[in-house]
Amino acid sequence: RVGDLQAFSVAPSHLEFAPGMAKAFLYPRPGYVPKVPSAAPRPVVLQAFCPSPFRDPDQQNLNCMCPVRALDTCVHRAALWRKTDQLFVCYGPPKRGLPASKHVLSRWIVDAITQAY
């Protein structure tokens, strides 16, 4: 759900990277109540694609598509202009650095799916 995506934060207490960038743990912000409440919110765990050391060039190529590496890069590059601790922020003017709305997140997902096919 898009609301679940809005609950993620780049604050150090809500985003952790395992040693060697093997995994990333995304914890929802405090006070977040999911639309469909269940047990206590659990972190989302992203696994790295072929973390180093690499045995062959194919593993190094897979690492270029790694979601953990992409998350780390995105967080660090947006840090220069980020105006909120929400993970997903707008990147274009005039709302650059502001939290991405549910509508914007939905559009990004649809655009990504459309481009993939």
Protein backbone atom coordinates (compact mmCIF):
# COMPACT_ATOMS: atom_id res chain seq x y z
CA ARG A 1 0.00 0.00 0.00
CA VAL A 2 1.14 3.53 -0.76
CA GLY A 3 0.45 4.59 2.82
CA ASP A 4 2.89 1.93 3.98
CA LEU A 5 5.56 3.43 1.73
CA GLN A 6 4.95 6.86 3.26
CA ALA A 7 5.72 5.42 6.71
CA PHE A 8 9.40 4.81 5.91
CA SER A 9 12.03 7.25 7.09
CA VAL A 10 15.72 7.91 6.48
CA ALA A 11 16.30 8.67 10.16
CA PRO A 12 19.13 6.47 11.50
CA SER A 13 16.74 4.78 13.93
CA HIS A 14 14.45 3.75 11.05
CA LEU A 15 16.91 2.79 8.32
CA GLU A 16 19.77 0.39 8.96
CA PHE A 17 22.30 -1.20 6.63
CA ALA A 18 23.90 -4.51 7.59
CA PRO A 19 27.71 -4.78 7.46
CA GLY A 20 28.96 -5.11 3.91
CA MET A 21 25.66 -3.75 2.55
CA ALA A 22 24.28 -7.31 2.59
CA LYS A 23 20.84 -6.17 3.80
CA ALA A 24 18.83 -3.04 4.54
CA PHE A 25 16.17 -2.78 7.24
CA LEU A 26 13.36 -0.23 6.86
CA TYR A 27 11.29 0.42 9.98
CA PRO A 28 8.01 2.38 9.91
CA ARG A 29 7.95 5.70 11.74
CA PRO A 30 6.50 5.71 15.28
CA GLY A 31 2.81 6.40 15.39
CA TYR A 32 2.22 4.87 11.96
CA VAL A 33 -1.03 2.91 11.87
CA PRO A 34 -1.44 0.67 8.82
CA LYS A 35 -4.72 0.68 6.93
CA VAL A 36 -5.09 -3.01 7.73
CA PRO A 37 -3.80 -3.34 11.29
CA SER A 38 -2.30 -6.69 12.19
CA ALA A 39 0.46 -7.53 14.63
CA ALA A 40 3.14 -4.98 15.47
CA PRO A 41 4.66 -3.47 12.31
CA ARG A 42 7.74 -5.40 11.23
CA PRO A 43 10.67 -4.03 9.28
CA VAL A 44 10.96 -4.51 5.56
CA VAL A 45 14.19 -6.34 4.82
CA LEU A 46 15.90 -5.83 1.46
CA GLN A 47 18.48 -8.43 0.46
CA ALA A 48 21.50 -7.48 -1.62
CA PHE A 49 22.00 -9.02 -5.05
CA CYS A 50 25.38 -10.75 -5.00
CA PRO A 51 27.17 -8.72 -2.34
CA SER A 52 30.94 -8.45 -2.68
CA PRO A 53 33.37 -10.18 -2.92
CA PHE A 54 32.50 -11.11 -6.49
CA ARG A 55 33.48 -14.47 -7.98
CA ASP A 56 32.90 -13.43 -11.59
CA PRO A 57 31.84 -10.42 -13.71
CA ASP A 58 28.21 -11.59 -13.78
CA GLN A 59 27.98 -11.20 -10.01
CA GLN A 60 29.43 -7.71 -10.27
CA ASN A 61 26.80 -6.85 -12.91
CA LEU A 62 24.00 -8.16 -10.66
CA ASN A 63 25.33 -5.96 -7.88
CA CYS A 64 24.70 -2.92 -10.11
CA MET A 65 20.95 -3.69 -9.87
CA CYS A 66 21.06 -4.25 -6.11
CA PRO A 67 18.12 -2.70 -4.21
CA VAL A 68 20.29 -2.16 -1.10
CA ARG A 69 22.90 -0.32 -3.12
CA ALA A 70 20.21 1.73 -4.89
CA LEU A 71 18.60 2.68 -1.56
CA ASP A 72 21.94 3.77 -0.11
CA THR A 73 22.74 5.85 -3.20
CA CYS A 74 19.30 7.46 -3.25
CA VAL A 75 19.42 8.38 0.44
CA HIS A 76 22.88 9.94 0.17
CA ARG A 77 22.23 11.88 -3.03
CA ALA A 78 18.92 13.31 -1.81
CA ALA A 79 20.47 14.31 1.54
CA LEU A 80 21.71 17.54 -0.04
CA TRP A 81 18.20 18.86 -0.69
CA ARG A 82 15.93 16.67 1.48
CA LYS A 83 13.59 18.75 3.70
CA THR A 84 11.98 15.86 5.58
CA ASP A 85 13.02 12.52 7.00
CA GLN A 86 10.39 10.69 4.91
CA LEU A 87 12.14 8.20 2.60
CA PHE A 88 10.29 9.15 -0.57
CA VAL A 89 10.61 12.83 -1.47
CA CYS A 90 9.78 14.85 -4.57
CA TYR A 91 12.76 15.50 -6.83
CA GLY A 92 11.49 18.20 -9.19
CA PRO A 93 10.70 21.85 -8.64
CA PRO A 94 8.77 23.41 -6.98
CA LYS A 95 8.34 20.64 -4.37
CA ARG A 96 11.90 19.32 -4.42
CA GLY A 97 12.79 17.75 -1.09
CA LEU A 98 9.24 17.75 0.27
CA PRO A 99 7.46 14.50 1.20
CA ALA A 100 5.94 12.63 -1.74
CA SER A 101 2.15 12.41 -1.50
CA LYS A 102 0.20 9.18 -1.97
CA HIS A 103 -0.85 10.40 -5.41
CA VAL A 104 2.77 11.02 -6.45
CA LEU A 105 3.93 7.64 -5.11
CA SER A 106 1.10 5.91 -6.99
CA ARG A 107 2.08 7.69 -10.21
CA TRP A 108 5.74 6.68 -9.78
CA ILE A 109 4.74 3.03 -9.33
CA VAL A 110 2.48 3.07 -12.41
CA ASP A 111 5.22 4.78 -14.45
CA ALA A 112 7.80 2.20 -13.36
CA ILE A 113 5.51 -0.71 -14.28
CA THR A 114 4.68 0.90 -17.62
CA GLN A 115 8.35 1.41 -18.49
CA ALA A 116 9.18 -2.17 -17.46
CA TYR A 117 6.76 -3.52 -20.06
